[in-house]
PDB file of N, CA and C in Angstrom:
ATOM      1  N   MET A   1       0.607   5.899 -11.341  1.00  0.00           N
ATOM      2  CA  MET A   1       1.042   5.720 -12.715  1.00  0.00           C
ATOM      3  C   MET A   1       1.568   7.055 -13.245  1.00  0.00           C
ATOM      4  N   THR A   2       2.718   7.047 -13.816  1.00  0.00           N
ATOM      5  CA  THR A   2       3.257   8.246 -14.433  1.00  0.00           C
ATOM      6  C   THR A   2       2.742   8.341 -15.864  1.00  0.00           C
ATOM      7  N   ILE A   3       2.173   9.497 -16.165  1.00  0.00           N
ATOM      8  CA  ILE A   3       1.674   9.727 -17.517  1.00  0.00           C
ATOM      9  C   ILE A   3       2.878  10.045 -18.408  1.00  0.00           C
ATOM     10  N   ALA A   4       2.906   9.434 -19.581  1.00  0.00           N
ATOM     11  CA  ALA A   4       4.037   9.575 -20.500  1.00  0.00           C
ATOM     12  C   ALA A   4       3.602  10.279 -21.785  1.00  0.00           C
ATOM     13  N   LYS A   5       4.570  10.668 -22.558  1.00  0.00           N
ATOM     14  CA  LYS A   5       4.364  11.342 -23.841  1.00  0.00           C
ATOM     15  C   LYS A   5       3.379  10.574 -24.724  1.00  0.00           C
ATOM     16  N   GLU A   6       3.477   9.265 -24.702  1.00  0.00           N
ATOM     17  CA  GLU A   6       2.629   8.416 -25.546  1.00  0.00           C
ATOM     18  C   GLU A   6       1.154   8.495 -25.151  1.00  0.00           C
ATOM     19  N   HIS A   7       0.854   8.947 -23.944  1.00  0.00           N
ATOM     20  CA  HIS A   7      -0.525   9.020 -23.476  1.00  0.00           C
ATOM     21  C   HIS A   7      -1.242  10.296 -23.918  1.00  0.00           C
ATOM     22  N   LEU A   8      -0.488  11.291 -24.367  1.00  0.00           N
ATOM     23  CA  LEU A   8      -1.083  12.575 -24.724  1.00  0.00           C
ATOM     24  C   LEU A   8      -1.830  12.474 -26.053  1.00  0.00           C
ATOM     25  N   LEU A   9      -2.865  13.298 -26.180  1.00  0.00           N
ATOM     26  CA  LEU A   9      -3.693  13.307 -27.385  1.00  0.00           C
ATOM     27  C   LEU A   9      -3.065  14.115 -28.519  1.00  0.00           C
ATOM     28  N   ILE A  10      -2.436  15.213 -28.157  1.00  0.00           N
ATOM     29  CA  ILE A  10      -1.867  16.116 -29.155  1.00  0.00           C
ATOM     30  C   ILE A  10      -0.451  15.670 -29.481  1.00  0.00           C
ATOM     31  N   SER A  11      -0.143  15.606 -30.753  1.00  0.00           N
ATOM     32  CA  SER A  11       1.168  15.087 -31.156  1.00  0.00           C
ATOM     33  C   SER A  11       2.145  16.170 -31.601  1.00  0.00           C
ATOM     34  N   ASP A  12       1.689  17.422 -31.691  1.00  0.00           N
ATOM     35  CA  ASP A  12       2.587  18.456 -32.219  1.00  0.00           C
ATOM     36  C   ASP A  12       3.137  19.405 -31.160  1.00  0.00           C
ATOM     37  N   TYR A  13       3.355  18.905 -29.952  1.00  0.00           N
ATOM     38  CA  TYR A  13       4.001  19.707 -28.915  1.00  0.00           C
ATOM     39  C   TYR A  13       5.465  19.923 -29.263  1.00  0.00           C
ATOM     40  N   GLU A  14       6.036  20.971 -28.703  1.00  0.00           N
ATOM     41  CA  GLU A  14       7.485  21.154 -28.757  1.00  0.00           C
ATOM     42  C   GLU A  14       8.060  20.307 -27.626  1.00  0.00           C
ATOM     43  N   TRP A  15       9.146  19.618 -27.880  1.00  0.00           N
ATOM     44  CA  TRP A  15       9.786  18.784 -26.862  1.00  0.00           C
ATOM     45  C   TRP A  15      11.237  19.221 -26.694  1.00  0.00           C
ATOM     46  N   HIS A  16      11.628  19.389 -25.447  1.00  0.00           N
ATOM     47  CA  HIS A  16      12.992  19.833 -25.147  1.00  0.00           C
ATOM     48  C   HIS A  16      13.743  18.785 -24.346  1.00  0.00           C
ATOM     49  N   ASN A  17      13.117  17.616 -24.194  1.00  0.00           N
ATOM     50  CA  ASN A  17      13.722  16.512 -23.455  1.00  0.00           C
ATOM     51  C   ASN A  17      14.106  16.886 -22.031  1.00  0.00           C
ATOM     52  N   ASP A  18      13.310  17.784 -21.427  1.00  0.00           N
ATOM     53  CA  ASP A  18      13.518  18.101 -20.017  1.00  0.00           C
ATOM     54  C   ASP A  18      13.081  16.903 -19.203  1.00  0.00           C
ATOM     55  N   ASN A  19      13.870  16.509 -18.264  1.00  0.00           N
ATOM     56  CA  ASN A  19      13.500  15.382 -17.411  1.00  0.00           C
ATOM     57  C   ASN A  19      12.826  15.916 -16.158  1.00  0.00           C
ATOM     58  N   LYS A  20      11.613  16.468 -16.332  1.00  0.00           N
ATOM     59  CA  LYS A  20      10.912  17.094 -15.223  1.00  0.00           C
ATOM     60  C   LYS A  20      10.302  16.079 -14.268  1.00  0.00           C
ATOM     61  N   SER A  21      10.202  14.828 -14.681  1.00  0.00           N
ATOM     62  CA  SER A  21       9.630  13.825 -13.780  1.00  0.00           C
ATOM     63  C   SER A  21      10.484  13.683 -12.533  1.00  0.00           C
ATOM     64  N   THR A  22      11.761  14.017 -12.635  1.00  0.00           N
ATOM     65  CA  THR A  22      12.620  13.934 -11.461  1.00  0.00           C
ATOM     66  C   THR A  22      12.340  15.082 -10.496  1.00  0.00           C
ATOM     67  N   ARG A  23      11.627  16.106 -10.948  1.00  0.00           N
ATOM     68  CA  ARG A  23      11.330  17.253 -10.099  1.00  0.00           C
ATOM     69  C   ARG A  23       9.946  17.184  -9.470  1.00  0.00           C
ATOM     70  N   LEU A  24       9.239  16.092  -9.606  1.00  0.00           N
ATOM     71  CA  LEU A  24       7.887  16.009  -9.063  1.00  0.00           C
ATOM     72  C   LEU A  24       7.863  16.248  -7.564  1.00  0.00           C
ATOM     73  N   SER A  25       8.893  15.817  -6.859  1.00  0.00           N
ATOM     74  CA  SER A  25       8.928  16.004  -5.412  1.00  0.00           C
ATOM     75  C   SER A  25       9.051  17.475  -5.031  1.00  0.00           C
ATOM     76  N   GLU A  26       9.526  18.310  -5.954  1.00  0.00           N
ATOM     77  CA  GLU A  26       9.637  19.742  -5.689  1.00  0.00           C
ATOM     78  C   GLU A  26       8.288  20.442  -5.763  1.00  0.00           C
ATOM     79  N   GLY A  27       7.317  19.830  -6.390  1.00  0.00           N
ATOM     80  CA  GLY A  27       6.009  20.456  -6.544  1.00  0.00           C
ATOM     81  C   GLY A  27       6.016  21.511  -7.632  1.00  0.00           C
ATOM     82  N   ALA A  28       4.930  22.278  -7.686  1.00  0.00           N
ATOM     83  CA  ALA A  28       4.798  23.339  -8.680  1.00  0.00           C
ATOM     84  C   ALA A  28       5.668  24.526  -8.271  1.00  0.00           C
ATOM     85  N   THR A  29       6.194  25.219  -9.258  1.00  0.00           N
ATOM     86  CA  THR A  29       7.043  26.382  -9.006  1.00  0.00           C
ATOM     87  C   THR A  29       6.437  27.602  -9.697  1.00  0.00           C
ATOM     88  N   ARG A  30       7.099  28.709  -9.548  1.00  0.00           N
ATOM     89  CA  ARG A  30       6.679  29.928 -10.245  1.00  0.00           C
ATOM     90  C   ARG A  30       7.246  29.987 -11.669  1.00  0.00           C
ATOM     91  N   LYS A  31       7.857  28.889 -12.076  1.00  0.00           N
ATOM     92  CA  LYS A  31       8.407  28.809 -13.429  1.00  0.00           C
ATOM     93  C   LYS A  31       7.282  28.976 -14.450  1.00  0.00           C
ATOM     94  N   ARG A  32       7.604  29.624 -15.563  1.00  0.00           N
ATOM     95  CA  ARG A  32       6.638  29.876 -16.626  1.00  0.00           C
ATOM     96  C   ARG A  32       6.093  28.563 -17.186  1.00  0.00           C
ATOM     97  N   PHE A  33       4.777  28.513 -17.373  1.00  0.00           N
ATOM     98  CA  PHE A  33       4.126  27.354 -17.969  1.00  0.00           C
ATOM     99  C   PHE A  33       3.846  27.655 -19.430  1.00  0.00           C
ATOM    100  N   ASP A  34       4.220  26.729 -20.307  1.00  0.00           N
ATOM    101  CA  ASP A  34       4.002  26.876 -21.742  1.00  0.00           C
ATOM    102  C   ASP A  34       3.120  25.728 -22.217  1.00  0.00           C
ATOM    103  N   ARG A  35       1.894  26.041 -22.581  1.00  0.00           N
ATOM    104  CA  ARG A  35       0.929  25.014 -22.999  1.00  0.00           C
ATOM    105  C   ARG A  35       1.309  24.322 -24.310  1.00  0.00           C
ATOM    106  N   PHE A  36       2.290  24.854 -25.025  1.00  0.00           N
ATOM    107  CA  PHE A  36       2.731  24.252 -26.277  1.00  0.00           C
ATOM    108  C   PHE A  36       3.974  23.385 -26.104  1.00  0.00           C
ATOM    109  N   ASP A  37       4.495  23.344 -24.897  1.00  0.00           N
ATOM    110  CA  ASP A  37       5.677  22.554 -24.566  1.00  0.00           C
ATOM    111  C   ASP A  37       5.205  21.241 -23.929  1.00  0.00           C
ATOM    112  N   GLY A  38       5.437  20.143 -24.618  1.00  0.00           N
ATOM    113  CA  GLY A  38       4.993  18.842 -24.130  1.00  0.00           C
ATOM    114  C   GLY A  38       5.562  18.496 -22.762  1.00  0.00           C
ATOM    115  N   ASP A  39       6.814  18.899 -22.512  1.00  0.00           N
ATOM    116  CA  ASP A  39       7.425  18.625 -21.212  1.00  0.00           C
ATOM    117  C   ASP A  39       6.664  19.340 -20.096  1.00  0.00           C
ATOM    118  N   CYS A  40       6.264  20.593 -20.344  1.00  0.00           N
ATOM    119  CA  CYS A  40       5.505  21.362 -19.346  1.00  0.00           C
ATOM    120  C   CYS A  40       4.144  20.724 -19.082  1.00  0.00           C
ATOM    121  N   VAL A  41       3.467  20.336 -20.147  1.00  0.00           N
ATOM    122  CA  VAL A  41       2.137  19.729 -20.004  1.00  0.00           C
ATOM    123  C   VAL A  41       2.236  18.419 -19.232  1.00  0.00           C
ATOM    124  N   LEU A  42       3.187  17.576 -19.595  1.00  0.00           N
ATOM    125  CA  LEU A  42       3.374  16.307 -18.878  1.00  0.00           C
ATOM    126  C   LEU A  42       3.709  16.543 -17.406  1.00  0.00           C
ATOM    127  N   HIS A  43       4.570  17.523 -17.155  1.00  0.00           N
ATOM    128  CA  HIS A  43       4.971  17.825 -15.781  1.00  0.00           C
ATOM    129  C   HIS A  43       3.759  18.226 -14.940  1.00  0.00           C
ATOM    130  N   ILE A  44       2.910  19.102 -15.465  1.00  0.00           N
ATOM    131  CA  ILE A  44       1.725  19.551 -14.717  1.00  0.00           C
ATOM    132  C   ILE A  44       0.759  18.394 -14.506  1.00  0.00           C
ATOM    133  N   ILE A  45       0.544  17.575 -15.523  1.00  0.00           N
ATOM    134  CA  ILE A  45      -0.367  16.434 -15.371  1.00  0.00           C
ATOM    135  C   ILE A  45       0.157  15.484 -14.298  1.00  0.00           C
ATOM    136  N   ASN A  46       1.447  15.210 -14.307  1.00  0.00           N
ATOM    137  CA  ASN A  46       2.013  14.304 -13.306  1.00  0.00           C
ATOM    138  C   ASN A  46       2.052  14.932 -11.919  1.00  0.00           C
ATOM    139  N   LEU A  47       2.215  16.257 -11.830  1.00  0.00           N
ATOM    140  CA  LEU A  47       2.109  16.937 -10.531  1.00  0.00           C
ATOM    141  C   LEU A  47       0.695  16.804  -9.986  1.00  0.00           C
ATOM    142  N   PHE A  48      -0.281  17.017 -10.847  1.00  0.00           N
ATOM    143  CA  PHE A  48      -1.677  16.878 -10.435  1.00  0.00           C
ATOM    144  C   PHE A  48      -1.934  15.459  -9.953  1.00  0.00           C
ATOM    145  N   ASP A  49      -1.386  14.491 -10.661  1.00  0.00           N
ATOM    146  CA  ASP A  49      -1.514  13.083 -10.279  1.00  0.00           C
ATOM    147  C   ASP A  49      -0.942  12.841  -8.879  1.00  0.00           C
ATOM    148  N   CYS A  50       0.216  13.423  -8.593  1.00  0.00           N
ATOM    149  CA  CYS A  50       0.862  13.241  -7.284  1.00  0.00           C
ATOM    150  C   CYS A  50       0.127  13.975  -6.163  1.00  0.00           C
ATOM    151  N   CYS A  51      -0.362  15.168  -6.471  1.00  0.00           N
ATOM    152  CA  CYS A  51      -0.935  16.030  -5.429  1.00  0.00           C
ATOM    153  C   CYS A  51      -2.406  15.757  -5.127  1.00  0.00           C
ATOM    154  N   ILE A  52      -3.148  15.361  -6.115  1.00  0.00           N
ATOM    155  CA  ILE A  52      -4.598  15.275  -5.966  1.00  0.00           C
ATOM    156  C   ILE A  52      -5.094  13.836  -5.905  1.00  0.00           C
ATOM    157  N   ASP A  53      -4.858  13.089  -6.913  1.00  0.00           N
ATOM    158  CA  ASP A  53      -5.417  11.745  -7.053  1.00  0.00           C
ATOM    159  C   ASP A  53      -4.556  10.950  -8.010  1.00  0.00           C
ATOM    160  N   LYS A  54      -4.789   9.674  -8.049  1.00  0.00           N
ATOM    161  CA  LYS A  54      -4.154   8.836  -9.074  1.00  0.00           C
ATOM    162  C   LYS A  54      -5.030   8.905 -10.311  1.00  0.00           C
ATOM    163  N   LEU A  55      -4.434   9.350 -11.388  1.00  0.00           N
ATOM    164  CA  LEU A  55      -5.196   9.564 -12.619  1.00  0.00           C
ATOM    165  C   LEU A  55      -5.190   8.342 -13.520  1.00  0.00           C
ATOM    166  N   THR A  56      -6.279   8.184 -14.245  1.00  0.00           N
ATOM    167  CA  THR A  56      -6.303   7.228 -15.340  1.00  0.00           C
ATOM    168  C   THR A  56      -5.775   7.964 -16.574  1.00  0.00           C
ATOM    169  N   ILE A  57      -5.495   7.236 -17.615  1.00  0.00           N
ATOM    170  CA  ILE A  57      -5.047   7.870 -18.852  1.00  0.00           C
ATOM    171  C   ILE A  57      -6.141   8.787 -19.397  1.00  0.00           C
ATOM    172  N   ALA A  58      -7.387   8.368 -19.318  1.00  0.00           N
ATOM    173  CA  ALA A  58      -8.505   9.193 -19.800  1.00  0.00           C
ATOM    174  C   ALA A  58      -8.596  10.506 -19.019  1.00  0.00           C
ATOM    175  N   GLN A  59      -8.382  10.468 -17.712  1.00  0.00           N
ATOM    176  CA  GLN A  59      -8.414  11.691 -16.908  1.00  0.00           C
ATOM    177  C   GLN A  59      -7.231  12.599 -17.256  1.00  0.00           C
ATOM    178  N   ALA A  60      -6.078  12.006 -17.484  1.00  0.00           N
ATOM    179  CA  ALA A  60      -4.912  12.788 -17.892  1.00  0.00           C
ATOM    180  C   ALA A  60      -5.173  13.476 -19.231  1.00  0.00           C
ATOM    181  N   GLN A  61      -5.819  12.770 -20.127  1.00  0.00           N
ATOM    182  CA  GLN A  61      -6.149  13.349 -21.426  1.00  0.00           C
ATOM    183  C   GLN A  61      -7.194  14.453 -21.285  1.00  0.00           C
ATOM    184  N   ARG A  62      -8.102  14.311 -20.322  1.00  0.00           N
ATOM    185  CA  ARG A  62      -9.083  15.359 -20.045  1.00  0.00           C
ATOM    186  C   ARG A  62      -8.369  16.619 -19.551  1.00  0.00           C
ATOM    187  N   ILE A  63      -7.361  16.437 -18.693  1.00  0.00           N
ATOM    188  CA  ILE A  63      -6.565  17.573 -18.214  1.00  0.00           C
ATOM    189  C   ILE A  63      -5.866  18.240 -19.386  1.00  0.00           C
ATOM    190  N   GLU A  64      -5.273  17.435 -20.250  1.00  0.00           N
ATOM    191  CA  GLU A  64      -4.600  17.979 -21.431  1.00  0.00           C
ATOM    192  C   GLU A  64      -5.576  18.811 -22.263  1.00  0.00           C
ATOM    193  N   SER A  65      -6.770  18.314 -22.487  1.00  0.00           N
ATOM    194  CA  SER A  65      -7.778  19.047 -23.264  1.00  0.00           C
ATOM    195  C   SER A  65      -8.188  20.340 -22.575  1.00  0.00           C
ATOM    196  N   LEU A  66      -8.377  20.282 -21.258  1.00  0.00           N
ATOM    197  CA  LEU A  66      -8.727  21.498 -20.514  1.00  0.00           C
ATOM    198  C   LEU A  66      -7.631  22.547 -20.649  1.00  0.00           C
ATOM    199  N   ILE A  67      -6.385  22.120 -20.524  1.00  0.00           N
ATOM    200  CA  ILE A  67      -5.259  23.052 -20.654  1.00  0.00           C
ATOM    201  C   ILE A  67      -5.267  23.697 -22.036  1.00  0.00           C
ATOM    202  N   GLN A  68      -5.467  22.904 -23.061  1.00  0.00           N
ATOM    203  CA  GLN A  68      -5.415  23.427 -24.430  1.00  0.00           C
ATOM    204  C   GLN A  68      -6.616  24.294 -24.788  1.00  0.00           C
ATOM    205  N   LYS A  69      -7.789  23.954 -24.276  1.00  0.00           N
ATOM    206  CA  LYS A  69      -9.013  24.636 -24.700  1.00  0.00           C
ATOM    207  C   LYS A  69      -9.517  25.698 -23.736  1.00  0.00           C
ATOM    208  N   GLU A  70      -9.229  25.562 -22.437  1.00  0.00           N
ATOM    209  CA  GLU A  70      -9.861  26.446 -21.464  1.00  0.00           C
ATOM    210  C   GLU A  70      -8.915  27.227 -20.563  1.00  0.00           C
ATOM    211  N   LEU A  71      -7.653  26.859 -20.515  1.00  0.00           N
ATOM    212  CA  LEU A  71      -6.723  27.561 -19.625  1.00  0.00           C
ATOM    213  C   LEU A  71      -6.624  29.026 -20.038  1.00  0.00           C
ATOM    214  N   PRO A  72      -6.990  29.946 -19.133  1.00  0.00           N
ATOM    215  CA  PRO A  72      -6.899  31.373 -19.477  1.00  0.00           C
ATOM    216  C   PRO A  72      -5.460  31.780 -19.783  1.00  0.00           C
ATOM    217  N   LEU A  73      -5.299  32.671 -20.741  1.00  0.00           N
ATOM    218  CA  LEU A  73      -3.964  33.106 -21.158  1.00  0.00           C
ATOM    219  C   LEU A  73      -3.209  33.822 -20.053  1.00  0.00           C
ATOM    220  N   GLU A  74      -3.930  34.435 -19.107  1.00  0.00           N
ATOM    221  CA  GLU A  74      -3.248  35.165 -18.031  1.00  0.00           C
ATOM    222  C   GLU A  74      -2.627  34.244 -16.976  1.00  0.00           C
ATOM    223  N   ILE A  75      -2.940  32.967 -17.035  1.00  0.00           N
ATOM    224  CA  ILE A  75      -2.327  32.013 -16.111  1.00  0.00           C
ATOM    225  C   ILE A  75      -0.967  31.639 -16.678  1.00  0.00           C
ATOM    226  N   LYS A  76       0.090  32.000 -15.946  1.00  0.00           N
ATOM    227  CA  LYS A  76       1.434  31.906 -16.514  1.00  0.00           C
ATOM    228  C   LYS A  76       2.378  30.963 -15.772  1.00  0.00           C
ATOM    229  N   SER A  77       2.145  30.652 -14.498  1.00  0.00           N
ATOM    230  CA  SER A  77       3.106  29.840 -13.743  1.00  0.00           C
ATOM    231  C   SER A  77       2.561  28.442 -13.476  1.00  0.00           C
ATOM    232  N   GLU A  78       3.464  27.518 -13.159  1.00  0.00           N
ATOM    233  CA  GLU A  78       3.054  26.154 -12.812  1.00  0.00           C
ATOM    234  C   GLU A  78       2.099  26.173 -11.624  1.00  0.00           C
ATOM    235  N   ILE A  79       2.388  27.012 -10.637  1.00  0.00           N
ATOM    236  CA  ILE A  79       1.527  27.105  -9.451  1.00  0.00           C
ATOM    237  C   ILE A  79       0.118  27.522  -9.852  1.00  0.00           C
ATOM    238  N   SER A  80       0.011  28.523 -10.705  1.00  0.00           N
ATOM    239  CA  SER A  80      -1.302  29.002 -11.152  1.00  0.00           C
ATOM    240  C   SER A  80      -2.060  27.937 -11.935  1.00  0.00           C
ATOM    241  N   VAL A  81      -1.351  27.215 -12.792  1.00  0.00           N
ATOM    242  CA  VAL A  81      -1.998  26.157 -13.582  1.00  0.00           C
ATOM    243  C   VAL A  81      -2.510  25.058 -12.655  1.00  0.00           C
ATOM    244  N   LEU A  82      -1.692  24.656 -11.695  1.00  0.00           N
ATOM    245  CA  LEU A  82      -2.107  23.603 -10.769  1.00  0.00           C
ATOM    246  C   LEU A  82      -3.323  24.041  -9.949  1.00  0.00           C
ATOM    247  N   GLN A  83      -3.329  25.290  -9.504  1.00  0.00           N
ATOM    248  CA  GLN A  83      -4.484  25.817  -8.759  1.00  0.00           C
ATOM    249  C   GLN A  83      -5.730  25.822  -9.639  1.00  0.00           C
ATOM    250  N   TRP A  84      -5.580  26.245 -10.885  1.00  0.00           N
ATOM    251  CA  TRP A  84      -6.701  26.266 -11.817  1.00  0.00           C
ATOM    252  C   TRP A  84      -7.238  24.854 -12.035  1.00  0.00           C
ATOM    253  N   LEU A  85      -6.336  23.879 -12.161  1.00  0.00           N
ATOM    254  CA  LEU A  85      -6.766  22.488 -12.339  1.00  0.00           C
ATOM    255  C   LEU A  85      -7.516  21.973 -11.113  1.00  0.00           C
ATOM    256  N   LYS A  86      -7.092  22.375  -9.937  1.00  0.00           N
ATOM    257  CA  LYS A  86      -7.802  21.959  -8.712  1.00  0.00           C
ATOM    258  C   LYS A  86      -9.249  22.450  -8.751  1.00  0.00           C
ATOM    259  N   GLU A  87      -9.459  23.649  -9.289  1.00  0.00           N
ATOM    260  CA  GLU A  87     -10.820  24.183  -9.430  1.00  0.00           C
ATOM    261  C   GLU A  87     -11.618  23.415 -10.479  1.00  0.00           C
ATOM    262  N   LYS A  88     -10.933  22.797 -11.419  1.00  0.00           N
ATOM    263  CA  LYS A  88     -11.577  22.024 -12.486  1.00  0.00           C
ATOM    264  C   LYS A  88     -11.761  20.548 -12.094  1.00  0.00           C
ATOM    265  N   HIS A  89     -11.468  20.221 -10.864  1.00  0.00           N
ATOM    266  CA  HIS A  89     -11.534  18.836 -10.374  1.00  0.00           C
ATOM    267  C   HIS A  89     -12.823  18.115 -10.794  1.00  0.00           C
ATOM    268  N   PRO A  90     -14.013  18.751 -10.641  1.00  0.00           N
ATOM    269  CA  PRO A  90     -15.249  18.054 -11.059  1.00  0.00           C
ATOM    270  C   PRO A  90     -15.267  17.678 -12.529  1.00  0.00           C
ATOM    271  N   GLN A  91     -14.727  18.529 -13.392  1.00  0.00           N
ATOM    272  CA  GLN A  91     -14.703  18.218 -14.829  1.00  0.00           C
ATOM    273  C   GLN A  91     -13.737  17.083 -15.137  1.00  0.00           C
ATOM    274  N   ILE A  92     -12.635  17.046 -14.423  1.00  0.00           N
ATOM    275  CA  ILE A  92     -11.626  16.012 -14.661  1.00  0.00           C
ATOM    276  C   ILE A  92     -12.167  14.650 -14.249  1.00  0.00           C
ATOM    277  N   PHE A  93     -12.879  14.625 -13.148  1.00  0.00           N
ATOM    278  CA  PHE A  93     -13.370  13.346 -12.608  1.00  0.00           C
ATOM    279  C   PHE A  93     -14.848  13.114 -12.920  1.00  0.00           C
ATOM    280  N   CYS A  94     -15.387  13.856 -13.893  1.00  0.00           N
ATOM    281  CA  CYS A  94     -16.778  13.684 -14.346  1.00  0.00           C
ATOM    282  C   CYS A  94     -17.778  13.775 -13.197  1.00  0.00           C
ATOM    283  N   LEU A  95     -17.626  14.782 -12.353  1.00  0.00           N
ATOM    284  CA  LEU A  95     -18.511  14.934 -11.213  1.00  0.00           C
ATOM    285  C   LEU A  95     -19.473  16.103 -11.391  1.00  0.00           C
ATOM    286  N   GLU A  96     -19.522  16.675 -12.579  1.00  0.00           N
ATOM    287  CA  GLU A  96     -20.376  17.829 -12.819  1.00  0.00           C
ATOM    288  C   GLU A  96     -21.839  17.439 -12.764  1.00  0.00           C
ATOM    289  N   ALA A  97     -22.640  18.319 -12.155  1.00  0.00           N
ATOM    290  CA  ALA A  97     -24.085  18.096 -12.125  1.00  0.00           C
ATOM    291  C   ALA A  97     -24.640  18.345 -13.521  1.00  0.00           C
ATOM    292  N   VAL A  98     -25.623  17.573 -13.892  1.00  0.00           N
ATOM    293  CA  VAL A  98     -26.195  17.716 -15.228  1.00  0.00           C
ATOM    294  C   VAL A  98     -27.460  18.519 -15.140  1.00  0.00           C
TER     295      VAL A  98
END
């Protein structure tokens, strides 16, 4: 399932109408990641969906929240964000030990 703009929790992203869904086959790049750009956030969520697992909308929204609340500022590229998300896999899929 491709996650769409309508699935995101935050409504005040900047949108540039980039059609990044066509670039999913290219994978993550060293291109700058902007957490305030809705196209960038959607692209990373859909890359994670393609590379790791098939996401539910709730899991995609969890990724969005992690990006907004926990992504370190020094993480600047799509590759770095995707790697960071892979480390957050337990939180995304609710596998954390209590």
